[in-house]
């Protein structure tokens, strides 16, 4: 994966979008994942196998951090 910073920024943008939450305010993780993945593969069809593993690990890390403290991801 080219940039954890790029992915973190894409994640921050995705979790700020109202359309990524259901009517009760719960986050729709598949929507967040789709938004972030779209940014990370820009100009390509998909990530290669190694990049996909790194992507999933980083996405899970960011999601865990967000769930622990949804107010501020800038501190990671």
PDB file of N, CA and C in Angstrom:
ATOM      1  N   UNK A   1       0.849  -1.166   0.000  1.00  0.00           N
ATOM      2  CA  UNK A   1       0.000   0.000   0.000  1.00  0.00           C
ATOM      3  C   UNK A   1       0.897   1.231   0.000  1.00  0.00           C
ATOM      4  N   UNK A   2       0.504   2.199  -0.781  1.00  0.00           N
ATOM      5  CA  UNK A   2       1.368   3.353  -0.987  1.00  0.00           C
ATOM      6  C   UNK A   2       1.453   4.278   0.206  1.00  0.00           C
ATOM      7  N   UNK A   3       0.367   4.482   0.907  1.00  0.00           N
ATOM      8  CA  UNK A   3       0.436   5.509   1.935  1.00  0.00           C
ATOM      9  C   UNK A   3      -0.608   5.313   3.026  1.00  0.00           C
ATOM     10  N   UNK A   4      -0.110   5.111   4.240  1.00  0.00           N
ATOM     11  CA  UNK A   4      -1.025   5.034   5.376  1.00  0.00           C
ATOM     12  C   UNK A   4      -1.688   6.383   5.614  1.00  0.00           C
ATOM     13  N   UNK A   5      -0.965   7.448   5.328  1.00  0.00           N
ATOM     14  CA  UNK A   5      -1.523   8.793   5.502  1.00  0.00           C
ATOM     15  C   UNK A   5      -2.691   8.997   4.536  1.00  0.00           C
ATOM     16  N   UNK A   6      -2.503   8.583   3.299  1.00  0.00           N
ATOM     17  CA  UNK A   6      -3.577   8.692   2.299  1.00  0.00           C
ATOM     18  C   UNK A   6      -4.795   7.894   2.755  1.00  0.00           C
ATOM     19  N   UNK A   7      -4.558   6.701   3.270  1.00  0.00           N
ATOM     20  CA  UNK A   7      -5.665   5.860   3.719  1.00  0.00           C
ATOM     21  C   UNK A   7      -6.342   6.456   4.943  1.00  0.00           C
ATOM     22  N   UNK A   8      -5.562   6.972   5.868  1.00  0.00           N
ATOM     23  CA  UNK A   8      -6.153   7.586   7.058  1.00  0.00           C
ATOM     24  C   UNK A   8      -7.030   8.767   6.659  1.00  0.00           C
ATOM     25  N   UNK A   9      -6.566   9.572   5.736  1.00  0.00           N
ATOM     26  CA  UNK A   9      -7.358  10.733   5.285  1.00  0.00           C
ATOM     27  C   UNK A   9      -8.649  10.278   4.611  1.00  0.00           C
ATOM     28  N   UNK A  10      -8.557   9.250   3.770  1.00  0.00           N
ATOM     29  CA  UNK A  10      -9.754   8.710   3.119  1.00  0.00           C
ATOM     30  C   UNK A  10     -10.737   8.173   4.156  1.00  0.00           C
ATOM     31  N   UNK A  11     -10.213   7.528   5.189  1.00  0.00           N
ATOM     32  CA  UNK A  11     -11.051   7.000   6.266  1.00  0.00           C
ATOM     33  C   UNK A  11     -11.751   8.144   7.003  1.00  0.00           C
ATOM     34  N   UNK A  12     -11.001   9.181   7.330  1.00  0.00           N
ATOM     35  CA  UNK A  12     -11.574  10.337   8.024  1.00  0.00           C
ATOM     36  C   UNK A  12     -12.702  10.974   7.212  1.00  0.00           C
ATOM     37  N   UNK A  13     -12.502  11.089   5.919  1.00  0.00           N
ATOM     38  CA  UNK A  13     -13.537  11.653   5.047  1.00  0.00           C
ATOM     39  C   UNK A  13     -14.762  10.743   5.029  1.00  0.00           C
ATOM     40  N   UNK A  14     -14.521   9.440   4.915  1.00  0.00           N
ATOM     41  CA  UNK A  14     -15.628   8.477   4.840  1.00  0.00           C
ATOM     42  C   UNK A  14     -16.472   8.474   6.115  1.00  0.00           C
ATOM     43  N   UNK A  15     -15.823   8.539   7.279  1.00  0.00           N
ATOM     44  CA  UNK A  15     -16.605   8.510   8.525  1.00  0.00           C
ATOM     45  C   UNK A  15     -17.276   9.848   8.818  1.00  0.00           C
ATOM     46  N   UNK A  16     -16.971  10.856   8.038  1.00  0.00           N
ATOM     47  CA  UNK A  16     -17.647  12.145   8.189  1.00  0.00           C
ATOM     48  C   UNK A  16     -18.873  12.273   7.285  1.00  0.00           C
ATOM     49  N   UNK A  17     -19.055  11.331   6.380  1.00  0.00           N
ATOM     50  CA  UNK A  17     -20.181  11.396   5.444  1.00  0.00           C
ATOM     51  C   UNK A  17     -21.463  10.854   6.085  1.00  0.00           C
ATOM     52  N   UNK A  18     -22.504  11.658   6.124  1.00  0.00           N
ATOM     53  CA  UNK A  18     -23.765  11.218   6.727  1.00  0.00           C
ATOM     54  C   UNK A  18     -24.355   9.969   6.064  1.00  0.00           C
ATOM     55  N   UNK A  19     -24.136   9.807   4.766  1.00  0.00           N
ATOM     56  CA  UNK A  19     -24.694   8.661   4.051  1.00  0.00           C
ATOM     57  C   UNK A  19     -24.046   7.336   4.462  1.00  0.00           C
ATOM     58  N   UNK A  20     -22.975   7.407   5.246  1.00  0.00           N
ATOM     59  CA  UNK A  20     -22.311   6.189   5.715  1.00  0.00           C
ATOM     60  C   UNK A  20     -22.810   5.744   7.091  1.00  0.00           C
ATOM     61  N   UNK A  21     -23.928   6.321   7.509  1.00  0.00           N
ATOM     62  CA  UNK A  21     -24.575   5.947   8.765  1.00  0.00           C
ATOM     63  C   UNK A  21     -26.025   5.590   8.481  1.00  0.00           C
ATOM     64  N   UNK A  22     -26.550   4.612   9.236  1.00  0.00           N
ATOM     65  CA  UNK A  22     -27.949   4.251   9.033  1.00  0.00           C
ATOM     66  C   UNK A  22     -28.859   5.243   9.759  1.00  0.00           C
ATOM     67  N   UNK A  23     -30.171   5.016   9.682  1.00  0.00           N
ATOM     68  CA  UNK A  23     -31.136   5.962  10.249  1.00  0.00           C
ATOM     69  C   UNK A  23     -31.040   6.082  11.768  1.00  0.00           C
ATOM     70  N   UNK A  24     -30.414   5.100  12.411  1.00  0.00           N
ATOM     71  CA  UNK A  24     -30.251   5.145  13.862  1.00  0.00           C
ATOM     72  C   UNK A  24     -28.882   5.684  14.278  1.00  0.00           C
ATOM     73  N   UNK A  25     -28.075   6.068  13.293  1.00  0.00           N
ATOM     74  CA  UNK A  25     -26.774   6.643  13.586  1.00  0.00           C
ATOM     75  C   UNK A  25     -25.628   5.641  13.666  1.00  0.00           C
ATOM     76  N   UNK A  26     -25.915   4.375  13.380  1.00  0.00           N
ATOM     77  CA  UNK A  26     -24.845   3.368  13.400  1.00  0.00           C
ATOM     78  C   UNK A  26     -24.052   3.434  12.096  1.00  0.00           C
ATOM     79  N   UNK A  27     -22.765   3.280  12.223  1.00  0.00           N
ATOM     80  CA  UNK A  27     -21.901   3.338  11.044  1.00  0.00           C
ATOM     81  C   UNK A  27     -22.120   2.105  10.166  1.00  0.00           C
ATOM     82  N   UNK A  28     -22.122   2.318   8.857  1.00  0.00           N
ATOM     83  CA  UNK A  28     -22.254   1.219   7.901  1.00  0.00           C
ATOM     84  C   UNK A  28     -20.847   0.931   7.371  1.00  0.00           C
ATOM     85  N   UNK A  29     -20.185  -0.041   7.996  1.00  0.00           N
ATOM     86  CA  UNK A  29     -18.774  -0.294   7.708  1.00  0.00           C
ATOM     87  C   UNK A  29     -18.515  -0.670   6.266  1.00  0.00           C
ATOM     88  N   UNK A  30     -19.432  -1.351   5.617  1.00  0.00           N
ATOM     89  CA  UNK A  30     -19.229  -1.693   4.201  1.00  0.00           C
ATOM     90  C   UNK A  30     -19.137  -0.437   3.340  1.00  0.00           C
ATOM     91  N   UNK A  31     -19.890   0.585   3.688  1.00  0.00           N
ATOM     92  CA  UNK A  31     -19.837   1.843   2.940  1.00  0.00           C
ATOM     93  C   UNK A  31     -18.500   2.552   3.168  1.00  0.00           C
ATOM     94  N   UNK A  32     -18.050   2.550   4.421  1.00  0.00           N
ATOM     95  CA  UNK A  32     -16.754   3.157   4.742  1.00  0.00           C
ATOM     96  C   UNK A  32     -15.656   2.440   3.965  1.00  0.00           C
ATOM     97  N   UNK A  33     -15.679   1.119   4.014  1.00  0.00           N
ATOM     98  CA  UNK A  33     -14.690   0.304   3.313  1.00  0.00           C
ATOM     99  C   UNK A  33     -14.692   0.623   1.821  1.00  0.00           C
ATOM    100  N   UNK A  34     -15.862   0.699   1.228  1.00  0.00           N
ATOM    101  CA  UNK A  34     -15.965   0.987  -0.211  1.00  0.00           C
ATOM    102  C   UNK A  34     -15.389   2.361  -0.545  1.00  0.00           C
ATOM    103  N   UNK A  35     -15.692   3.354   0.271  1.00  0.00           N
ATOM    104  CA  UNK A  35     -15.175   4.705   0.029  1.00  0.00           C
ATOM    105  C   UNK A  35     -13.649   4.745   0.117  1.00  0.00           C
ATOM    106  N   UNK A  36     -13.106   4.107   1.149  1.00  0.00           N
ATOM    107  CA  UNK A  36     -11.654   4.110   1.346  1.00  0.00           C
ATOM    108  C   UNK A  36     -10.971   3.314   0.231  1.00  0.00           C
ATOM    109  N   UNK A  37     -11.512   2.152  -0.082  1.00  0.00           N
ATOM    110  CA  UNK A  37     -10.911   1.308  -1.125  1.00  0.00           C
ATOM    111  C   UNK A  37     -10.872   2.037  -2.462  1.00  0.00           C
ATOM    112  N   UNK A  38     -11.944   2.745  -2.767  1.00  0.00           N
ATOM    113  CA  UNK A  38     -11.998   3.502  -4.024  1.00  0.00           C
ATOM    114  C   UNK A  38     -10.844   4.505  -4.127  1.00  0.00           C
ATOM    115  N   UNK A  39     -10.540   5.166  -3.037  1.00  0.00           N
ATOM    116  CA  UNK A  39      -9.427   6.124  -3.019  1.00  0.00           C
ATOM    117  C   UNK A  39      -8.095   5.395  -3.198  1.00  0.00           C
ATOM    118  N   UNK A  40      -7.938   4.272  -2.532  1.00  0.00           N
ATOM    119  CA  UNK A  40      -6.662   3.569  -2.545  1.00  0.00           C
ATOM    120  C   UNK A  40      -6.356   2.908  -3.891  1.00  0.00           C
ATOM    121  N   UNK A  41      -7.377   2.541  -4.653  1.00  0.00           N
ATOM    122  CA  UNK A  41      -7.132   1.887  -5.953  1.00  0.00           C
ATOM    123  C   UNK A  41      -7.254   2.854  -7.123  1.00  0.00           C
ATOM    124  N   UNK A  42      -7.434   4.100  -6.855  1.00  0.00           N
ATOM    125  CA  UNK A  42      -7.649   5.094  -7.906  1.00  0.00           C
ATOM    126  C   UNK A  42      -6.753   4.837  -9.119  1.00  0.00           C
ATOM    127  N   UNK A  43      -7.390   4.693 -10.267  1.00  0.00           N
ATOM    128  CA  UNK A  43      -6.666   4.473 -11.514  1.00  0.00           C
ATOM    129  C   UNK A  43      -6.308   3.019 -11.779  1.00  0.00           C
ATOM    130  N   UNK A  44      -6.688   2.124 -10.866  1.00  0.00           N
ATOM    131  CA  UNK A  44      -6.410   0.699 -11.026  1.00  0.00           C
ATOM    132  C   UNK A  44      -7.696  -0.086 -10.810  1.00  0.00           C
ATOM    133  N   UNK A  45      -7.699  -1.338 -11.206  1.00  0.00           N
ATOM    134  CA  UNK A  45      -8.875  -2.173 -10.970  1.00  0.00           C
ATOM    135  C   UNK A  45      -8.961  -2.626  -9.522  1.00  0.00           C
ATOM    136  N   UNK A  46      -7.809  -3.048  -8.976  1.00  0.00           N
ATOM    137  CA  UNK A  46      -7.795  -3.558  -7.614  1.00  0.00           C
ATOM    138  C   UNK A  46      -6.372  -3.559  -7.058  1.00  0.00           C
ATOM    139  N   UNK A  47      -6.271  -3.787  -5.775  1.00  0.00           N
ATOM    140  CA  UNK A  47      -4.970  -3.907  -5.130  1.00  0.00           C
ATOM    141  C   UNK A  47      -4.439  -5.317  -5.362  1.00  0.00           C
ATOM    142  N   UNK A  48      -3.115  -5.469  -5.381  1.00  0.00           N
ATOM    143  CA  UNK A  48      -2.577  -6.815  -5.504  1.00  0.00           C
ATOM    144  C   UNK A  48      -2.741  -7.541  -4.158  1.00  0.00           C
ATOM    145  N   UNK A  49      -2.378  -8.811  -4.122  1.00  0.00           N
ATOM    146  CA  UNK A  49      -2.629  -9.618  -2.924  1.00  0.00           C
ATOM    147  C   UNK A  49      -1.936  -9.047  -1.685  1.00  0.00           C
ATOM    148  N   UNK A  50      -0.691  -8.678  -1.805  1.00  0.00           N
ATOM    149  CA  UNK A  50       0.037  -8.114  -0.670  1.00  0.00           C
ATOM    150  C   UNK A  50      -0.585  -6.793  -0.226  1.00  0.00           C
ATOM    151  N   UNK A  51      -0.918  -5.940  -1.170  1.00  0.00           N
ATOM    152  CA  UNK A  51      -1.547  -4.660  -0.842  1.00  0.00           C
ATOM    153  C   UNK A  51      -2.898  -4.872  -0.168  1.00  0.00           C
ATOM    154  N   UNK A  52      -3.637  -5.889  -0.613  1.00  0.00           N
ATOM    155  CA  UNK A  52      -4.946  -6.184  -0.023  1.00  0.00           C
ATOM    156  C   UNK A  52      -4.823  -6.580   1.441  1.00  0.00           C
ATOM    157  N   UNK A  53      -3.817  -7.390   1.747  1.00  0.00           N
ATOM    158  CA  UNK A  53      -3.587  -7.790   3.138  1.00  0.00           C
ATOM    159  C   UNK A  53      -3.251  -6.563   3.981  1.00  0.00           C
ATOM    160  N   UNK A  54      -2.349  -5.730   3.480  1.00  0.00           N
ATOM    161  CA  UNK A  54      -1.973  -4.509   4.203  1.00  0.00           C
ATOM    162  C   UNK A  54      -3.163  -3.571   4.357  1.00  0.00           C
ATOM    163  N   UNK A  55      -3.971  -3.477   3.312  1.00  0.00           N
ATOM    164  CA  UNK A  55      -5.169  -2.634   3.354  1.00  0.00           C
ATOM    165  C   UNK A  55      -6.106  -3.113   4.462  1.00  0.00           C
ATOM    166  N   UNK A  56      -6.382  -4.393   4.489  1.00  0.00           N
ATOM    167  CA  UNK A  56      -7.311  -4.932   5.493  1.00  0.00           C
ATOM    168  C   UNK A  56      -6.792  -4.716   6.911  1.00  0.00           C
ATOM    169  N   UNK A  57      -5.494  -4.927   7.107  1.00  0.00           N
ATOM    170  CA  UNK A  57      -4.907  -4.707   8.433  1.00  0.00           C
ATOM    171  C   UNK A  57      -5.028  -3.248   8.856  1.00  0.00           C
ATOM    172  N   UNK A  58      -4.716  -2.346   7.945  1.00  0.00           N
ATOM    173  CA  UNK A  58      -4.784  -0.917   8.270  1.00  0.00           C
ATOM    174  C   UNK A  58      -6.227  -0.458   8.447  1.00  0.00           C
ATOM    175  N   UNK A  59      -7.136  -0.958   7.616  1.00  0.00           N
ATOM    176  CA  UNK A  59      -8.540  -0.590   7.758  1.00  0.00           C
ATOM    177  C   UNK A  59      -9.055  -1.039   9.127  1.00  0.00           C
ATOM    178  N   UNK A  60      -8.737  -2.269   9.511  1.00  0.00           N
ATOM    179  CA  UNK A  60      -9.171  -2.771  10.820  1.00  0.00           C
ATOM    180  C   UNK A  60      -8.587  -1.926  11.956  1.00  0.00           C
ATOM    181  N   UNK A  61      -7.327  -1.530  11.819  1.00  0.00           N
ATOM    182  CA  UNK A  61      -6.693  -0.695  12.839  1.00  0.00           C
ATOM    183  C   UNK A  61      -7.412   0.650  12.961  1.00  0.00           C
ATOM    184  N   UNK A  62      -7.685   1.275  11.821  1.00  0.00           N
ATOM    185  CA  UNK A  62      -8.378   2.568  11.831  1.00  0.00           C
ATOM    186  C   UNK A  62      -9.795   2.436  12.384  1.00  0.00           C
ATOM    187  N   UNK A  63     -10.486   1.365  12.017  1.00  0.00           N
ATOM    188  CA  UNK A  63     -11.842   1.143  12.524  1.00  0.00           C
ATOM    189  C   UNK A  63     -11.829   0.942  14.034  1.00  0.00           C
ATOM    190  N   UNK A  64     -10.866   0.176  14.529  1.00  0.00           N
ATOM    191  CA  UNK A  64     -10.752  -0.027  15.983  1.00  0.00           C
ATOM    192  C   UNK A  64     -10.486   1.291  16.698  1.00  0.00           C
ATOM    193  N   UNK A  65      -9.589   2.096  16.147  1.00  0.00           N
ATOM    194  CA  UNK A  65      -9.306   3.399  16.738  1.00  0.00           C
ATOM    195  C   UNK A  65     -10.533   4.298  16.716  1.00  0.00           C
ATOM    196  N   UNK A  66     -11.252   4.276  15.619  1.00  0.00           N
ATOM    197  CA  UNK A  66     -12.453   5.102  15.494  1.00  0.00           C
ATOM    198  C   UNK A  66     -13.501   4.692  16.527  1.00  0.00           C
ATOM    199  N   UNK A  67     -13.702   3.377  16.641  1.00  0.00           N
ATOM    200  CA  UNK A  67     -14.706   2.903  17.604  1.00  0.00           C
ATOM    201  C   UNK A  67     -14.303   3.224  19.035  1.00  0.00           C
ATOM    202  N   UNK A  68     -13.008   3.246  19.317  1.00  0.00           N
ATOM    203  CA  UNK A  68     -12.541   3.569  20.660  1.00  0.00           C
ATOM    204  C   UNK A  68     -12.682   5.053  20.964  1.00  0.00           C
ATOM    205  N   UNK A  69     -12.527   5.880  19.916  1.00  0.00           N
ATOM    206  CA  UNK A  69     -12.584   7.326  20.107  1.00  0.00           C
ATOM    207  C   UNK A  69     -12.960   7.990  18.785  1.00  0.00           C
ATOM    208  N   UNK A  70     -14.243   8.012  18.435  1.00  0.00           N
ATOM    209  CA  UNK A  70     -14.664   8.547  17.147  1.00  0.00           C
ATOM    210  C   UNK A  70     -14.450  10.034  16.950  1.00  0.00           C
ATOM    211  N   UNK A  71     -14.048  10.735  17.986  1.00  0.00           N
ATOM    212  CA  UNK A  71     -13.925  12.181  17.888  1.00  0.00           C
ATOM    213  C   UNK A  71     -12.698  12.617  17.099  1.00  0.00           C
ATOM    214  N   UNK A  72     -11.550  11.950  17.307  1.00  0.00           N
ATOM    215  CA  UNK A  72     -10.325  12.472  16.726  1.00  0.00           C
ATOM    216  C   UNK A  72      -9.378  11.362  16.281  1.00  0.00           C
ATOM    217  N   UNK A  73      -9.269  11.160  14.983  1.00  0.00           N
ATOM    218  CA  UNK A  73      -8.322  10.186  14.442  1.00  0.00           C
ATOM    219  C   UNK A  73      -6.980  10.827  14.129  1.00  0.00           C
ATOM    220  N   UNK A  74      -6.881  12.139  14.196  1.00  0.00           N
ATOM    221  CA  UNK A  74      -5.642  12.817  13.830  1.00  0.00           C
ATOM    222  C   UNK A  74      -4.491  12.459  14.754  1.00  0.00           C
ATOM    223  N   UNK A  75      -4.773  11.928  15.906  1.00  0.00           N
ATOM    224  CA  UNK A  75      -3.727  11.601  16.863  1.00  0.00           C
ATOM    225  C   UNK A  75      -3.036  10.257  16.572  1.00  0.00           C
ATOM    226  N   UNK A  76      -3.508   9.505  15.574  1.00  0.00           N
ATOM    227  CA  UNK A  76      -2.904   8.187  15.298  1.00  0.00           C
ATOM    228  C   UNK A  76      -1.651   8.291  14.499  1.00  0.00           C
TER     229      UNK A  76
END
